[in-house]
Amino acid sequence: MNAKSIEPVARHTISIIVDNEAGVLARVIGLFSGRGYNIEHLTVAPVDLEGNESRITVVTAGTPMVIEQIKAQLERLVPVHKVGDLTLDGPSVERELALVKVHCEGADRDEAQRVGDAFRARIVDSTRDSFVFEITGKSEKIRAFIELMDEFGLVEVVRTGVAALTRGREPL
């Protein structure tokens, strides 16, 4: 009996340049959901001054074969101009933004501020018993900050999802 080799599942950041028109995002998401692929993060925004094209950034996980299949299927969609796997295409920069609301009073307020300072989070709103922090960085940094804020009384969190670009002067 031969043991099958198990391919590792890895996280990939896929960047897709598409026409900026109604229904395109639904078609891209439909490709993922129709095949049972999970989307961990999703961001979409226009990328040219005229608003003709948008960049969809999707963070997903899969084996190398699954990731290649996703990219090939995306490239076949009519409104798609370019697909890049920023995880494989060389160095890239990824950032995410989060707003984190924390309920804290007394000595916990000072400690929450110190933790915020250590993570370079900015206080964008403050009341007698709460803070709203704005934090940017890699997803792992955001996750670690949220876990620490949970000890003070995490109220709610909103995250933008990953925005990513390749490094250097060449576009996707």
Protein backbone atom coordinates (compact mmCIF):
# COMPACT_ATOMS: atom_id res chain seq x y z
CA MET A 1 0.00 0.00 0.00
CA ASN A 2 1.45 3.39 -1.07
CA ALA A 3 0.98 6.41 1.13
CA LYS A 4 -0.25 9.44 -0.76
CA SER A 5 1.79 12.58 -0.35
CA ILE A 6 -0.24 15.26 1.33
CA GLU A 7 0.12 18.72 -0.17
CA PRO A 8 0.38 21.53 2.37
CA VAL A 9 -2.42 24.08 2.63
CA ALA A 10 -1.04 27.62 2.51
CA ARG A 11 -2.49 31.12 2.65
CA HIS A 12 -2.31 33.07 -0.62
CA THR A 13 -3.06 36.70 -1.49
CA ILE A 14 -4.53 36.90 -4.98
CA SER A 15 -4.87 40.24 -6.75
CA ILE A 16 -7.34 40.56 -9.63
CA ILE A 17 -7.72 43.53 -11.99
CA VAL A 18 -11.28 43.66 -13.36
CA ASP A 19 -13.67 45.98 -15.17
CA ASN A 20 -15.38 48.27 -12.67
CA GLU A 21 -18.97 47.37 -13.51
CA ALA A 22 -22.03 45.92 -11.83
CA GLY A 23 -21.99 42.18 -11.19
CA VAL A 24 -18.24 41.58 -11.52
CA LEU A 25 -17.66 41.07 -7.78
CA ALA A 26 -20.62 38.68 -7.63
CA ARG A 27 -19.12 36.61 -10.45
CA VAL A 28 -15.72 36.42 -8.74
CA ILE A 29 -17.26 35.48 -5.39
CA GLY A 30 -19.53 32.99 -7.13
CA LEU A 31 -16.47 31.25 -8.53
CA PHE A 32 -15.17 30.76 -4.98
CA SER A 33 -18.43 29.75 -3.33
CA GLY A 34 -19.54 27.51 -6.19
CA ARG A 35 -16.42 25.39 -5.79
CA GLY A 36 -16.33 25.41 -1.99
CA TYR A 37 -13.29 27.69 -1.65
CA ASN A 38 -13.17 29.91 1.42
CA ILE A 39 -12.38 33.63 1.31
CA GLU A 40 -10.53 34.82 4.43
CA HIS A 41 -10.28 38.50 3.37
CA LEU A 42 -11.78 40.48 0.51
CA THR A 43 -11.24 44.08 -0.56
CA VAL A 44 -12.35 45.91 -3.69
CA ALA A 45 -11.63 49.44 -4.91
CA PRO A 46 -11.20 51.37 -8.18
CA VAL A 47 -7.56 51.63 -9.28
CA ASP A 48 -7.60 54.21 -12.06
CA LEU A 49 -8.66 57.86 -12.00
CA GLU A 50 -11.45 57.27 -14.51
CA GLY A 51 -12.93 54.41 -12.42
CA ASN A 52 -12.84 51.94 -15.31
CA GLU A 53 -10.95 49.21 -13.46
CA SER A 54 -10.97 47.84 -9.93
CA ARG A 55 -8.61 45.67 -7.95
CA ILE A 56 -10.08 42.77 -6.02
CA THR A 57 -7.75 41.39 -3.36
CA VAL A 58 -8.69 37.96 -2.06
CA VAL A 59 -6.92 36.07 0.69
CA THR A 60 -7.65 32.37 0.57
CA ALA A 61 -5.98 29.10 1.56
CA GLY A 62 -5.42 25.92 -0.37
CA THR A 63 -2.99 23.39 -1.70
CA PRO A 64 -0.77 24.48 -4.61
CA MET A 65 -3.08 22.59 -7.00
CA VAL A 66 -6.21 24.33 -5.64
CA ILE A 67 -4.58 27.78 -5.83
CA GLU A 68 -3.53 27.17 -9.45
CA GLN A 69 -7.07 26.03 -10.24
CA ILE A 70 -8.53 29.19 -8.66
CA LYS A 71 -6.18 31.43 -10.67
CA ALA A 72 -6.91 29.61 -13.93
CA GLN A 73 -10.67 29.87 -13.39
CA LEU A 74 -10.40 33.57 -12.51
CA GLU A 75 -8.41 34.26 -15.69
CA ARG A 76 -11.24 32.75 -17.76
CA LEU A 77 -13.86 35.19 -16.42
CA VAL A 78 -14.64 37.80 -19.08
CA PRO A 79 -14.27 41.02 -17.01
CA VAL A 80 -10.90 39.88 -15.58
CA HIS A 81 -7.82 41.60 -17.07
CA LYS A 82 -5.05 40.19 -14.88
CA VAL A 83 -4.60 37.75 -11.99
CA GLY A 84 -1.55 37.70 -9.75
CA ASP A 85 -0.60 35.58 -6.77
CA LEU A 86 1.25 38.05 -4.56
CA THR A 87 2.37 35.20 -2.34
CA LEU A 88 4.35 33.63 -5.20
CA ASP A 89 5.11 36.60 -7.47
CA GLY A 90 7.89 38.03 -5.31
CA PRO A 91 8.03 40.54 -2.49
CA SER A 92 4.79 42.32 -1.66
CA VAL A 93 3.37 44.67 0.94
CA GLU A 94 0.17 43.75 2.81
CA ARG A 95 -1.73 45.94 5.22
CA GLU A 96 -5.08 45.90 6.96
CA LEU A 97 -6.92 48.51 8.99
CA ALA A 98 -9.11 47.83 12.01
CA LEU A 99 -11.21 49.88 14.39
CA VAL A 100 -11.31 48.30 17.85
CA LYS A 101 -13.74 49.48 20.53
CA VAL A 102 -12.75 48.66 24.11
CA HIS A 103 -14.68 49.23 27.34
CA CYS A 104 -12.28 50.06 30.14
CA GLU A 105 -12.29 52.07 33.35
CA GLY A 106 -9.81 53.02 36.04
CA ALA A 107 -6.32 51.54 35.82
CA ASP A 108 -7.35 49.48 32.79
CA ARG A 109 -7.65 52.71 30.78
CA ASP A 110 -3.97 53.51 31.26
CA GLU A 111 -2.93 49.95 30.50
CA ALA A 112 -5.09 49.82 27.35
CA GLN A 113 -3.44 53.06 26.20
CA ARG A 114 0.03 51.58 26.83
CA VAL A 115 -0.83 48.48 24.82
CA GLY A 116 -2.20 50.70 22.07
CA ASP A 117 1.03 52.71 22.04
CA ALA A 118 3.12 49.54 21.86
CA PHE A 119 1.15 48.47 18.76
CA ARG A 120 1.22 52.01 17.31
CA ALA A 121 -2.58 52.11 17.46
CA ARG A 122 -4.17 55.53 17.45
CA ILE A 123 -7.06 56.51 19.72
CA VAL A 124 -9.69 58.00 17.37
CA ASP A 125 -12.52 58.25 19.92
CA SER A 126 -12.66 58.33 23.69
CA THR A 127 -15.44 58.44 26.28
CA ARG A 128 -15.28 58.06 30.05
CA ASP A 129 -15.44 54.30 29.78
CA SER A 130 -14.31 53.39 26.27
CA PHE A 131 -11.75 53.88 23.51
CA VAL A 132 -11.89 53.30 19.78
CA PHE A 133 -8.44 52.43 18.46
CA GLU A 134 -7.39 52.60 14.83
CA ILE A 135 -4.64 50.13 13.97
CA THR A 136 -2.95 49.25 10.68
CA GLY A 137 -0.50 46.52 9.83
CA LYS A 138 -0.26 42.90 8.89
CA SER A 139 -3.23 40.68 9.76
CA GLU A 140 -1.18 38.89 12.42
CA LYS A 141 -0.48 42.19 14.20
CA ILE A 142 -4.18 43.12 14.09
CA ARG A 143 -5.14 39.71 15.49
CA ALA A 144 -2.59 39.99 18.34
CA PHE A 145 -3.85 43.49 19.25
CA ILE A 146 -7.47 42.32 19.33
CA GLU A 147 -6.55 39.37 21.55
CA LEU A 148 -4.84 41.70 24.04
CA MET A 149 -7.73 44.18 23.98
CA ASP A 150 -10.12 41.31 24.76
CA GLU A 151 -8.63 41.23 28.27
CA PHE A 152 -9.76 44.85 28.84
CA GLY A 153 -13.33 44.42 27.60
CA LEU A 154 -13.49 44.18 23.84
CA VAL A 155 -16.82 45.62 22.65
CA GLU A 156 -16.60 45.33 18.86
CA VAL A 157 -14.20 45.18 15.93
CA VAL A 158 -14.43 46.15 12.29
CA ARG A 159 -11.67 45.19 9.83
CA THR A 160 -11.09 46.31 6.25
CA GLY A 161 -9.51 43.15 4.91
CA VAL A 162 -6.09 42.95 3.31
CA ALA A 163 -4.87 45.51 0.79
CA ALA A 164 -1.71 44.36 -1.00
CA LEU A 165 0.71 45.39 -3.76
CA THR A 166 3.85 43.89 -5.20
CA ARG A 167 7.06 45.75 -4.40
CA GLY A 168 9.06 47.55 -7.07
CA ARG A 169 8.06 49.68 -10.01
CA GLU A 170 6.22 47.09 -12.09
CA PRO A 171 2.42 46.89 -11.78
CA LEU A 172 0.50 43.67 -11.34
